[in-house]
Amino acid sequence: GAAQSIASAMAPLLEEHSELILEPKDGAVALHYRQAPELEE
């Protein structure tokens, strides 16, 4: 449930930057910025 909450919290950033990729998992969340390395921070 906590992982799902963390994934949901990423929605505003993903809406602003479509080049980011969110990978929600069963128990973890990965945010990939390979296509936008300038967005690391």
PDB file of all heavy atoms in Angstrom:
ATOM      1  N   GLY A   1       0.811  -1.213   0.000  1.00  0.00           N
ATOM      2  CA  GLY A   1       0.000   0.000   0.000  1.00  0.00           C
ATOM      3  C   GLY A   1       0.842   1.259   0.000  1.00  0.00           C
ATOM      4  O   GLY A   1       0.510   2.242  -0.686  1.00  0.00           O
ATOM      5  N   ALA A   2       1.957   1.238   0.752  1.00  0.00           N
ATOM      6  CA  ALA A   2       2.838   2.403   0.791  1.00  0.00           C
ATOM      7  C   ALA A   2       3.464   2.646  -0.573  1.00  0.00           C
ATOM      8  O   ALA A   2       3.602   3.795  -1.013  1.00  0.00           O
ATOM      9  CB  ALA A   2       3.921   2.199   1.846  1.00  0.00           C
ATOM     10  N   ALA A   3       3.847   1.570  -1.261  1.00  0.00           N
ATOM     11  CA  ALA A   3       4.423   1.717  -2.600  1.00  0.00           C
ATOM     12  C   ALA A   3       3.419   2.341  -3.562  1.00  0.00           C
ATOM     13  O   ALA A   3       3.768   3.200  -4.389  1.00  0.00           O
ATOM     14  CB  ALA A   3       4.885   0.356  -3.120  1.00  0.00           C
ATOM     15  N   GLN A   4       2.178   1.937  -3.460  1.00  0.00           N
ATOM     16  CA  GLN A   4       1.139   2.519  -4.315  1.00  0.00           C
ATOM     17  C   GLN A   4       0.954   4.007  -4.017  1.00  0.00           C
ATOM     18  O   GLN A   4       0.760   4.817  -4.937  1.00  0.00           O
ATOM     19  CB  GLN A   4      -0.168   1.759  -4.112  1.00  0.00           C
ATOM     20  CG  GLN A   4      -0.132   0.328  -4.615  1.00  0.00           C
ATOM     21  CD  GLN A   4      -1.367  -0.457  -4.226  1.00  0.00           C
ATOM     22  OE1 GLN A   4      -2.163  -0.045  -3.374  1.00  0.00           O
ATOM     23  NE2 GLN A   4      -1.546  -1.620  -4.840  1.00  0.00           N
ATOM     24  N   SER A   5       1.042   4.376  -2.742  1.00  0.00           N
ATOM     25  CA  SER A   5       0.917   5.782  -2.358  1.00  0.00           C
ATOM     26  C   SER A   5       2.068   6.606  -2.915  1.00  0.00           C
ATOM     27  O   SER A   5       1.865   7.728  -3.412  1.00  0.00           O
ATOM     28  CB  SER A   5       0.873   5.889  -0.836  1.00  0.00           C
ATOM     29  OG  SER A   5       0.869   7.237  -0.415  1.00  0.00           O
ATOM     30  N   ILE A   6       3.282   6.067  -2.849  1.00  0.00           N
ATOM     31  CA  ILE A   6       4.462   6.764  -3.380  1.00  0.00           C
ATOM     32  C   ILE A   6       4.327   6.952  -4.889  1.00  0.00           C
ATOM     33  O   ILE A   6       4.618   8.021  -5.439  1.00  0.00           O
ATOM     34  CB  ILE A   6       5.738   5.993  -3.023  1.00  0.00           C
ATOM     35  CG1 ILE A   6       5.971   6.033  -1.508  1.00  0.00           C
ATOM     36  CG2 ILE A   6       6.950   6.560  -3.758  1.00  0.00           C
ATOM     37  CD1 ILE A   6       7.041   5.081  -1.013  1.00  0.00           C
ATOM     38  N   ALA A   7       3.865   5.905  -5.569  1.00  0.00           N
ATOM     39  CA  ALA A   7       3.680   5.996  -7.022  1.00  0.00           C
ATOM     40  C   ALA A   7       2.652   7.070  -7.373  1.00  0.00           C
ATOM     41  O   ALA A   7       2.848   7.860  -8.313  1.00  0.00           O
ATOM     42  CB  ALA A   7       3.260   4.637  -7.580  1.00  0.00           C
ATOM     43  N   SER A   8       1.572   7.129  -6.630  1.00  0.00           N
ATOM     44  CA  SER A   8       0.524   8.128  -6.891  1.00  0.00           C
ATOM     45  C   SER A   8       1.045   9.543  -6.704  1.00  0.00           C
ATOM     46  O   SER A   8       0.652  10.468  -7.426  1.00  0.00           O
ATOM     47  CB  SER A   8      -0.674   7.886  -5.969  1.00  0.00           C
ATOM     48  OG  SER A   8      -1.266   6.640  -6.232  1.00  0.00           O
ATOM     49  N   ALA A   9       1.961   9.722  -5.747  1.00  0.00           N
ATOM     50  CA  ALA A   9       2.507  11.051  -5.471  1.00  0.00           C
ATOM     51  C   ALA A   9       3.362  11.574  -6.621  1.00  0.00           C
ATOM     52  O   ALA A   9       3.650  12.777  -6.688  1.00  0.00           O
ATOM     53  CB  ALA A   9       3.322  11.021  -4.180  1.00  0.00           C
ATOM     54  N   MET A  10       3.764  10.700  -7.537  1.00  0.00           N
ATOM     55  CA  MET A  10       4.590  11.105  -8.677  1.00  0.00           C
ATOM     56  C   MET A  10       3.761  11.674  -9.830  1.00  0.00           C
ATOM     57  O   MET A  10       4.310  12.190 -10.809  1.00  0.00           O
ATOM     58  CB  MET A  10       5.396   9.908  -9.201  1.00  0.00           C
ATOM     59  CG  MET A  10       6.479   9.392  -8.260  1.00  0.00           C
ATOM     60  SD  MET A  10       7.764  10.623  -7.944  1.00  0.00           S
ATOM     61  CE  MET A  10       7.221  11.210  -6.334  1.00  0.00           C
ATOM     62  N   ALA A  11       2.446  11.578  -9.740  1.00  0.00           N
ATOM     63  CA  ALA A  11       1.576  11.992 -10.849  1.00  0.00           C
ATOM     64  C   ALA A  11       1.829  13.421 -11.334  1.00  0.00           C
ATOM     65  O   ALA A  11       1.942  13.650 -12.554  1.00  0.00           O
ATOM     66  CB  ALA A  11       0.113  11.798 -10.460  1.00  0.00           C
ATOM     67  N   PRO A  12       1.926  14.431 -10.449  1.00  0.00           N
ATOM     68  CA  PRO A  12       2.155  15.802 -10.949  1.00  0.00           C
ATOM     69  C   PRO A  12       3.447  15.946 -11.749  1.00  0.00           C
ATOM     70  O   PRO A  12       3.467  16.628 -12.792  1.00  0.00           O
ATOM     71  CB  PRO A  12       2.202  16.635  -9.659  1.00  0.00           C
ATOM     72  CG  PRO A  12       1.415  15.851  -8.672  1.00  0.00           C
ATOM     73  CD  PRO A  12       1.716  14.414  -8.984  1.00  0.00           C
ATOM     74  N   LEU A  13       4.514  15.310 -11.287  1.00  0.00           N
ATOM     75  CA  LEU A  13       5.789  15.409 -11.996  1.00  0.00           C
ATOM     76  C   LEU A  13       5.705  14.732 -13.360  1.00  0.00           C
ATOM     77  O   LEU A  13       6.210  15.248 -14.362  1.00  0.00           O
ATOM     78  CB  LEU A  13       6.900  14.776 -11.164  1.00  0.00           C
ATOM     79  CG  LEU A  13       8.318  14.856 -11.750  1.00  0.00           C
ATOM     80  CD1 LEU A  13       8.792  16.309 -11.827  1.00  0.00           C
ATOM     81  CD2 LEU A  13       9.300  14.022 -10.907  1.00  0.00           C
ATOM     82  N   LEU A  14       5.030  13.601 -13.418  1.00  0.00           N
ATOM     83  CA  LEU A  14       4.893  12.877 -14.679  1.00  0.00           C
ATOM     84  C   LEU A  14       4.016  13.643 -15.663  1.00  0.00           C
ATOM     85  O   LEU A  14       4.251  13.608 -16.880  1.00  0.00           O
ATOM     86  CB  LEU A  14       4.301  11.490 -14.421  1.00  0.00           C
ATOM     87  CG  LEU A  14       5.191  10.538 -13.619  1.00  0.00           C
ATOM     88  CD1 LEU A  14       4.401   9.301 -13.217  1.00  0.00           C
ATOM     89  CD2 LEU A  14       6.413  10.146 -14.414  1.00  0.00           C
ATOM     90  N   GLU A  15       3.006  14.334 -15.156  1.00  0.00           N
ATOM     91  CA  GLU A  15       2.158  15.131 -16.042  1.00  0.00           C
ATOM     92  C   GLU A  15       2.929  16.292 -16.648  1.00  0.00           C
ATOM     93  O   GLU A  15       2.712  16.675 -17.795  1.00  0.00           O
ATOM     94  CB  GLU A  15       0.957  15.658 -15.253  1.00  0.00           C
ATOM     95  CG  GLU A  15      -0.047  14.584 -14.871  1.00  0.00           C
ATOM     96  CD  GLU A  15      -1.153  15.115 -13.998  1.00  0.00           C
ATOM     97  OE1 GLU A  15      -1.161  16.348 -13.743  1.00  0.00           O
ATOM     98  OE2 GLU A  15      -2.014  14.319 -13.555  1.00  0.00           O
ATOM     99  N   GLU A  16       3.866  16.824 -15.885  1.00  0.00           N
ATOM    100  CA  GLU A  16       4.663  17.957 -16.364  1.00  0.00           C
ATOM    101  C   GLU A  16       5.783  17.518 -17.298  1.00  0.00           C
ATOM    102  O   GLU A  16       6.171  18.255 -18.213  1.00  0.00           O
ATOM    103  CB  GLU A  16       5.256  18.694 -15.162  1.00  0.00           C
ATOM    104  CG  GLU A  16       6.019  19.962 -15.536  1.00  0.00           C
ATOM    105  CD  GLU A  16       6.529  20.709 -14.321  1.00  0.00           C
ATOM    106  OE1 GLU A  16       6.217  20.291 -13.182  1.00  0.00           O
ATOM    107  OE2 GLU A  16       7.256  21.710 -14.505  1.00  0.00           O
ATOM    108  N   HIS A  17       6.299  16.295 -17.081  1.00  0.00           N
ATOM    109  CA  HIS A  17       7.435  15.803 -17.875  1.00  0.00           C
ATOM    110  C   HIS A  17       7.121  14.406 -18.387  1.00  0.00           C
ATOM    111  O   HIS A  17       7.387  13.400 -17.722  1.00  0.00           O
ATOM    112  CB  HIS A  17       8.717  15.778 -17.037  1.00  0.00           C
ATOM    113  CG  HIS A  17       9.108  17.113 -16.477  1.00  0.00           C
ATOM    114  ND1 HIS A  17       9.667  18.105 -17.266  1.00  0.00           N
ATOM    115  CD2 HIS A  17       9.009  17.621 -15.220  1.00  0.00           C
ATOM    116  CE1 HIS A  17       9.911  19.162 -16.514  1.00  0.00           C
ATOM    117  NE2 HIS A  17       9.526  18.903 -15.278  1.00  0.00           N
ATOM    118  N   SER A  18       6.557  14.344 -19.587  1.00  0.00           N
ATOM    119  CA  SER A  18       6.129  13.060 -20.151  1.00  0.00           C
ATOM    120  C   SER A  18       7.294  12.140 -20.490  1.00  0.00           C
ATOM    121  O   SER A  18       7.099  10.931 -20.700  1.00  0.00           O
ATOM    122  CB  SER A  18       5.290  13.301 -21.408  1.00  0.00           C
ATOM    123  OG  SER A  18       6.058  14.009 -22.387  1.00  0.00           O
ATOM    124  N   GLU A  19       8.511  12.695 -20.546  1.00  0.00           N
ATOM    125  CA  GLU A  19       9.663  11.864 -20.875  1.00  0.00           C
ATOM    126  C   GLU A  19      10.128  11.015 -19.690  1.00  0.00           C
ATOM    127  O   GLU A  19      10.951  10.099 -19.858  1.00  0.00           O
ATOM    128  CB  GLU A  19      10.824  12.728 -21.391  1.00  0.00           C
ATOM    129  CG  GLU A  19      11.353  13.747 -20.393  1.00  0.00           C
ATOM    130  CD  GLU A  19      10.659  15.090 -20.455  1.00  0.00           C
ATOM    131  OE1 GLU A  19       9.430  15.108 -20.622  1.00  0.00           O
ATOM    132  OE2 GLU A  19      11.346  16.121 -20.334  1.00  0.00           O
ATOM    133  N   LEU A  20       9.620  11.310 -18.506  1.00  0.00           N
ATOM    134  CA  LEU A  20       9.939  10.485 -17.347  1.00  0.00           C
ATOM    135  C   LEU A  20       9.095   9.207 -17.378  1.00  0.00           C
ATOM    136  O   LEU A  20       7.972   9.196 -17.889  1.00  0.00           O
ATOM    137  CB  LEU A  20       9.659  11.239 -16.045  1.00  0.00           C
ATOM    138  CG  LEU A  20      10.495  12.502 -15.811  1.00  0.00           C
ATOM    139  CD1 LEU A  20      10.043  13.198 -14.533  1.00  0.00           C
ATOM    140  CD2 LEU A  20      11.980  12.162 -15.737  1.00  0.00           C
ATOM    141  N   ILE A  21       9.653   8.134 -16.817  1.00  0.00           N
ATOM    142  CA  ILE A  21       8.947   6.848 -16.799  1.00  0.00           C
ATOM    143  C   ILE A  21       8.847   6.360 -15.361  1.00  0.00           C
ATOM    144  O   ILE A  21       9.866   6.203 -14.673  1.00  0.00           O
ATOM    145  CB  ILE A  21       9.679   5.801 -17.665  1.00  0.00           C
ATOM    146  CG1 ILE A  21       9.714   6.255 -19.125  1.00  0.00           C
ATOM    147  CG2 ILE A  21       8.997   4.438 -17.547  1.00  0.00           C
ATOM    148  CD1 ILE A  21      10.538   5.358 -20.016  1.00  0.00           C
ATOM    149  N   LEU A  22       7.624   6.125 -14.926  1.00  0.00           N
ATOM    150  CA  LEU A  22       7.401   5.584 -13.590  1.00  0.00           C
ATOM    151  C   LEU A  22       7.185   4.076 -13.711  1.00  0.00           C
ATOM    152  O   LEU A  22       6.394   3.616 -14.532  1.00  0.00           O
ATOM    153  CB  LEU A  22       6.185   6.230 -12.936  1.00  0.00           C
ATOM    154  CG  LEU A  22       5.963   5.844 -11.468  1.00  0.00           C
ATOM    155  CD1 LEU A  22       7.034   6.488 -10.592  1.00  0.00           C
ATOM    156  CD2 LEU A  22       4.572   6.272 -11.000  1.00  0.00           C
ATOM    157  N   GLU A  23       7.893   3.331 -12.883  1.00  0.00           N
ATOM    158  CA  GLU A  23       7.770   1.875 -12.873  1.00  0.00           C
ATOM    159  C   GLU A  23       7.282   1.433 -11.483  1.00  0.00           C
ATOM    160  O   GLU A  23       8.071   1.147 -10.589  1.00  0.00           O
ATOM    161  CB  GLU A  23       9.121   1.230 -13.193  1.00  0.00           C
ATOM    162  CG  GLU A  23       9.066  -0.277 -13.342  1.00  0.00           C
ATOM    163  CD  GLU A  23      10.443  -0.885 -13.562  1.00  0.00           C
ATOM    164  OE1 GLU A  23      11.454  -0.148 -13.517  1.00  0.00           O
ATOM    165  OE2 GLU A  23      10.498  -2.106 -13.765  1.00  0.00           O
ATOM    166  N   PRO A  24       5.958   1.407 -11.293  1.00  0.00           N
ATOM    167  CA  PRO A  24       5.429   0.937 -10.009  1.00  0.00           C
ATOM    168  C   PRO A  24       5.581  -0.581  -9.905  1.00  0.00           C
ATOM    169  O   PRO A  24       5.372  -1.306 -10.882  1.00  0.00           O
ATOM    170  CB  PRO A  24       3.959   1.351 -10.054  1.00  0.00           C
ATOM    171  CG  PRO A  24       3.632   1.484 -11.493  1.00  0.00           C
ATOM    172  CD  PRO A  24       4.897   1.812 -12.224  1.00  0.00           C
ATOM    173  N   LYS A  25       5.966  -1.039  -8.718  1.00  0.00           N
ATOM    174  CA  LYS A  25       6.163  -2.460  -8.491  1.00  0.00           C
ATOM    175  C   LYS A  25       5.373  -2.879  -7.270  1.00  0.00           C
ATOM    176  O   LYS A  25       4.861  -2.052  -6.516  1.00  0.00           O
ATOM    177  CB  LYS A  25       7.653  -2.771  -8.293  1.00  0.00           C
ATOM    178  CG  LYS A  25       8.557  -2.238  -9.401  1.00  0.00           C
ATOM    179  CD  LYS A  25      10.017  -2.450  -9.056  1.00  0.00           C
ATOM    180  CE  LYS A  25      10.921  -1.780 -10.075  1.00  0.00           C
ATOM    181  NZ  LYS A  25      12.355  -1.983  -9.768  1.00  0.00           N
ATOM    182  N   ASP A  26       5.293  -4.163  -7.062  1.00  0.00           N
ATOM    183  CA  ASP A  26       4.615  -4.691  -5.878  1.00  0.00           C
ATOM    184  C   ASP A  26       5.575  -4.587  -4.703  1.00  0.00           C
ATOM    185  O   ASP A  26       6.285  -5.526  -4.357  1.00  0.00           O
ATOM    186  CB  ASP A  26       4.207  -6.141  -6.116  1.00  0.00           C
ATOM    187  CG  ASP A  26       3.346  -6.682  -4.988  1.00  0.00           C
ATOM    188  OD1 ASP A  26       2.847  -5.869  -4.191  1.00  0.00           O
ATOM    189  OD2 ASP A  26       3.198  -7.911  -4.908  1.00  0.00           O
ATOM    190  N   GLY A  27       5.628  -3.395  -4.090  1.00  0.00           N
ATOM    191  CA  GLY A  27       6.518  -3.196  -2.957  1.00  0.00           C
ATOM    192  C   GLY A  27       7.639  -2.220  -3.196  1.00  0.00           C
ATOM    193  O   GLY A  27       8.458  -1.986  -2.305  1.00  0.00           O
ATOM    194  N   ALA A  28       7.710  -1.621  -4.372  1.00  0.00           N
ATOM    195  CA  ALA A  28       8.754  -0.638  -4.667  1.00  0.00           C
ATOM    196  C   ALA A  28       8.280   0.253  -5.803  1.00  0.00           C
ATOM    197  O   ALA A  28       7.295  -0.046  -6.486  1.00  0.00           O
ATOM    198  CB  ALA A  28      10.062  -1.331  -5.034  1.00  0.00           C
ATOM    199  N   VAL A  29       8.998   1.366  -6.009  1.00  0.00           N
ATOM    200  CA  VAL A  29       8.667   2.314  -7.079  1.00  0.00           C
ATOM    201  C   VAL A  29       9.963   2.824  -7.680  1.00  0.00           C
ATOM    202  O   VAL A  29      10.851   3.282  -6.951  1.00  0.00           O
ATOM    203  CB  VAL A  29       7.847   3.515  -6.552  1.00  0.00           C
ATOM    204  CG1 VAL A  29       7.518   4.469  -7.697  1.00  0.00           C
ATOM    205  CG2 VAL A  29       6.580   3.055  -5.860  1.00  0.00           C
ATOM    206  N   ALA A  30      10.074   2.765  -9.005  1.00  0.00           N
ATOM    207  CA  ALA A  30      11.262   3.266  -9.694  1.00  0.00           C
ATOM    208  C   ALA A  30      10.870   4.407 -10.619  1.00  0.00           C
ATOM    209  O   ALA A  30       9.903   4.295 -11.383  1.00  0.00           O
ATOM    210  CB  ALA A  30      11.934   2.155 -10.492  1.00  0.00           C
ATOM    211  N   LEU A  31      11.626   5.500 -10.551  1.00  0.00           N
ATOM    212  CA  LEU A  31      11.407   6.656 -11.420  1.00  0.00           C
ATOM    213  C   LEU A  31      12.613   6.789 -12.338  1.00  0.00           C
ATOM    214  O   LEU A  31      13.724   7.087 -11.891  1.00  0.00           O
ATOM    215  CB  LEU A  31      11.219   7.923 -10.593  1.00  0.00           C
ATOM    216  CG  LEU A  31      10.955   9.212 -11.360  1.00  0.00           C
ATOM    217  CD1 LEU A  31       9.691   9.105 -12.205  1.00  0.00           C
ATOM    218  CD2 LEU A  31      10.854  10.401 -10.403  1.00  0.00           C
ATOM    219  N   HIS A  32      12.393   6.542 -13.634  1.00  0.00           N
ATOM    220  CA  HIS A  32      13.474   6.555 -14.623  1.00  0.00           C
ATOM    221  C   HIS A  32      13.545   7.915 -15.317  1.00  0.00           C
ATOM    222  O   HIS A  32      12.529   8.431 -15.787  1.00  0.00           O
ATOM    223  CB  HIS A  32      13.231   5.475 -15.684  1.00  0.00           C
ATOM    224  CG  HIS A  32      13.194   4.076 -15.149  1.00  0.00           C
ATOM    225  ND1 HIS A  32      14.297   3.257 -15.158  1.00  0.00           N
ATOM    226  CD2 HIS A  32      12.183   3.354 -14.591  1.00  0.00           C
ATOM    227  CE1 HIS A  32      13.977   2.085 -14.630  1.00  0.00           C
ATOM    228  NE2 HIS A  32      12.695   2.115 -14.278  1.00  0.00           N
ATOM    229  N   TYR A  33      14.768   8.453 -15.404  1.00  0.00           N
ATOM    230  CA  TYR A  33      14.947   9.731 -16.095  1.00  0.00           C
ATOM    231  C   TYR A  33      16.010   9.630 -17.194  1.00  0.00           C
ATOM    232  O   TYR A  33      16.639  10.616 -17.572  1.00  0.00           O
ATOM    233  CB  TYR A  33      15.309  10.838 -15.095  1.00  0.00           C
ATOM    234  CG  TYR A  33      16.514  10.559 -14.219  1.00  0.00           C
ATOM    235  CD1 TYR A  33      17.797  10.940 -14.611  1.00  0.00           C
ATOM    236  CD2 TYR A  33      16.371   9.901 -12.998  1.00  0.00           C
ATOM    237  CE1 TYR A  33      18.898  10.683 -13.810  1.00  0.00           C
ATOM    238  CE2 TYR A  33      17.466   9.647 -12.190  1.00  0.00           C
ATOM    239  CZ  TYR A  33      18.725  10.041 -12.600  1.00  0.00           C
ATOM    240  OH  TYR A  33      19.817   9.781 -11.810  1.00  0.00           O
ATOM    241  N   ARG A  34      16.177   8.431 -17.753  1.00  0.00           N
ATOM    242  CA  ARG A  34      17.185   8.205 -18.802  1.00  0.00           C
ATOM    243  C   ARG A  34      16.954   9.114 -20.003  1.00  0.00           C
ATOM    244  O   ARG A  34      17.907   9.557 -20.653  1.00  0.00           O
ATOM    245  CB  ARG A  34      17.174   6.739 -19.221  1.00  0.00           C
ATOM    246  CG  ARG A  34      18.197   6.385 -20.304  1.00  0.00           C
ATOM    247  CD  ARG A  34      18.311   4.875 -20.473  1.00  0.00           C
ATOM    248  NE  ARG A  34      18.800   4.252 -19.240  1.00  0.00           N
ATOM    249  CZ  ARG A  34      20.088   4.180 -18.919  1.00  0.00           C
ATOM    250  NH1 ARG A  34      21.003   4.684 -19.722  1.00  0.00           N
ATOM    251  NH2 ARG A  34      20.454   3.602 -17.793  1.00  0.00           N
ATOM    252  N   GLN A  35      15.703   9.403 -20.319  1.00  0.00           N
ATOM    253  CA  GLN A  35      15.395  10.240 -21.472  1.00  0.00           C
ATOM    254  C   GLN A  35      15.398  11.728 -21.128  1.00  0.00           C
ATOM    255  O   GLN A  35      15.190  12.567 -22.013  1.00  0.00           O
ATOM    256  CB  GLN A  35      14.036   9.835 -22.047  1.00  0.00           C
ATOM    257  CG  GLN A  35      13.997   8.389 -22.546  1.00  0.00           C
ATOM    258  CD  GLN A  35      12.663   8.031 -23.157  1.00  0.00           C
ATOM    259  OE1 GLN A  35      12.169   8.727 -24.043  1.00  0.00           O
ATOM    260  NE2 GLN A  35      12.062   6.950 -22.697  1.00  0.00           N
ATOM    261  N   ALA A  36      15.655  12.049 -19.870  1.00  0.00           N
ATOM    262  CA  ALA A  36      15.725  13.453 -19.444  1.00  0.00           C
ATOM    263  C   ALA A  36      16.702  13.566 -18.276  1.00  0.00           C
ATOM    264  O   ALA A  36      16.296  13.862 -17.145  1.00  0.00           O
ATOM    265  CB  ALA A  36      14.344  13.958 -19.053  1.00  0.00           C
ATOM    266  N   PRO A  37      17.988  13.338 -18.504  1.00  0.00           N
ATOM    267  CA  PRO A  37      18.968  13.338 -17.410  1.00  0.00           C
ATOM    268  C   PRO A  37      19.055  14.668 -16.668  1.00  0.00           C
ATOM    269  O   PRO A  37      19.460  14.700 -15.502  1.00  0.00           O
ATOM    270  CB  PRO A  37      20.288  12.999 -18.114  1.00  0.00           C
ATOM    271  CG  PRO A  37      20.061  13.280 -19.560  1.00  0.00           C
ATOM    272  CD  PRO A  37      18.610  13.020 -19.806  1.00  0.00           C
ATOM    273  N   GLU A  38      18.638  15.756 -17.317  1.00  0.00           N
ATOM    274  CA  GLU A  38      18.672  17.064 -16.670  1.00  0.00           C
ATOM    275  C   GLU A  38      17.637  17.168 -15.537  1.00  0.00           C
ATOM    276  O   GLU A  38      17.690  18.100 -14.730  1.00  0.00           O
ATOM    277  CB  GLU A  38      18.423  18.172 -17.699  1.00  0.00           C
ATOM    278  CG  GLU A  38      17.009  18.271 -18.246  1.00  0.00           C
ATOM    279  CD  GLU A  38      16.711  17.275 -19.353  1.00  0.00           C
ATOM    280  OE1 GLU A  38      17.601  16.444 -19.666  1.00  0.00           O
ATOM    281  OE2 GLU A  38      15.595  17.337 -19.914  1.00  0.00           O
ATOM    282  N   LEU A  39      16.727  16.212 -15.467  1.00  0.00           N
ATOM    283  CA  LEU A  39      15.688  16.232 -14.433  1.00  0.00           C
ATOM    284  C   LEU A  39      16.061  15.394 -13.202  1.00  0.00           C
ATOM    285  O   LEU A  39      15.206  15.144 -12.349  1.00  0.00           O
ATOM    286  CB  LEU A  39      14.365  15.723 -15.016  1.00  0.00           C
ATOM    287  CG  LEU A  39      13.729  16.584 -16.112  1.00  0.00           C
ATOM    288  CD1 LEU A  39      12.461  15.923 -16.631  1.00  0.00           C
ATOM    289  CD2 LEU A  39      13.421  17.982 -15.583  1.00  0.00           C
ATOM    290  N   GLU A  40      17.300  14.989 -13.110  1.00  0.00           N
ATOM    291  CA  GLU A  40      17.713  14.139 -11.984  1.00  0.00           C
ATOM    292  C   GLU A  40      17.360  14.768 -10.633  1.00  0.00           C
ATOM    293  O   GLU A  40      16.789  14.113  -9.752  1.00  0.00           O
ATOM    294  CB  GLU A  40      19.213  13.866 -12.045  1.00  0.00           C
ATOM    295  CG  GLU A  40      19.730  13.046 -10.872  1.00  0.00           C
ATOM    296  CD  GLU A  40      21.220  12.796 -10.942  1.00  0.00           C
ATOM    297  OE1 GLU A  40      21.885  13.350 -11.854  1.00  0.00           O
ATOM    298  OE2 GLU A  40      21.728  12.045 -10.088  1.00  0.00           O
ATOM    299  N   GLU A  41      17.697  16.053 -10.454  1.00  0.00           N
ATOM    300  CA  GLU A  41      17.449  16.712  -9.177  1.00  0.00           C
ATOM    301  C   GLU A  41      15.954  16.816  -8.895  1.00  0.00           C
ATOM    302  O   GLU A  41      15.507  16.603  -7.755  1.00  0.00           O
ATOM    303  CB  GLU A  41      18.083  18.105  -9.180  1.00  0.00           C
ATOM    304  CG  GLU A  41      17.980  18.841  -7.847  1.00  0.00           C
ATOM    305  CD  GLU A  41      18.793  18.184  -6.738  1.00  0.00           C
ATOM    306  OE1 GLU A  41      19.708  17.392  -7.044  1.00  0.00           O
ATOM    307  OE2 GLU A  41      18.503  18.461  -5.560  1.00  0.00           O
TER     308      GLU A  41
END
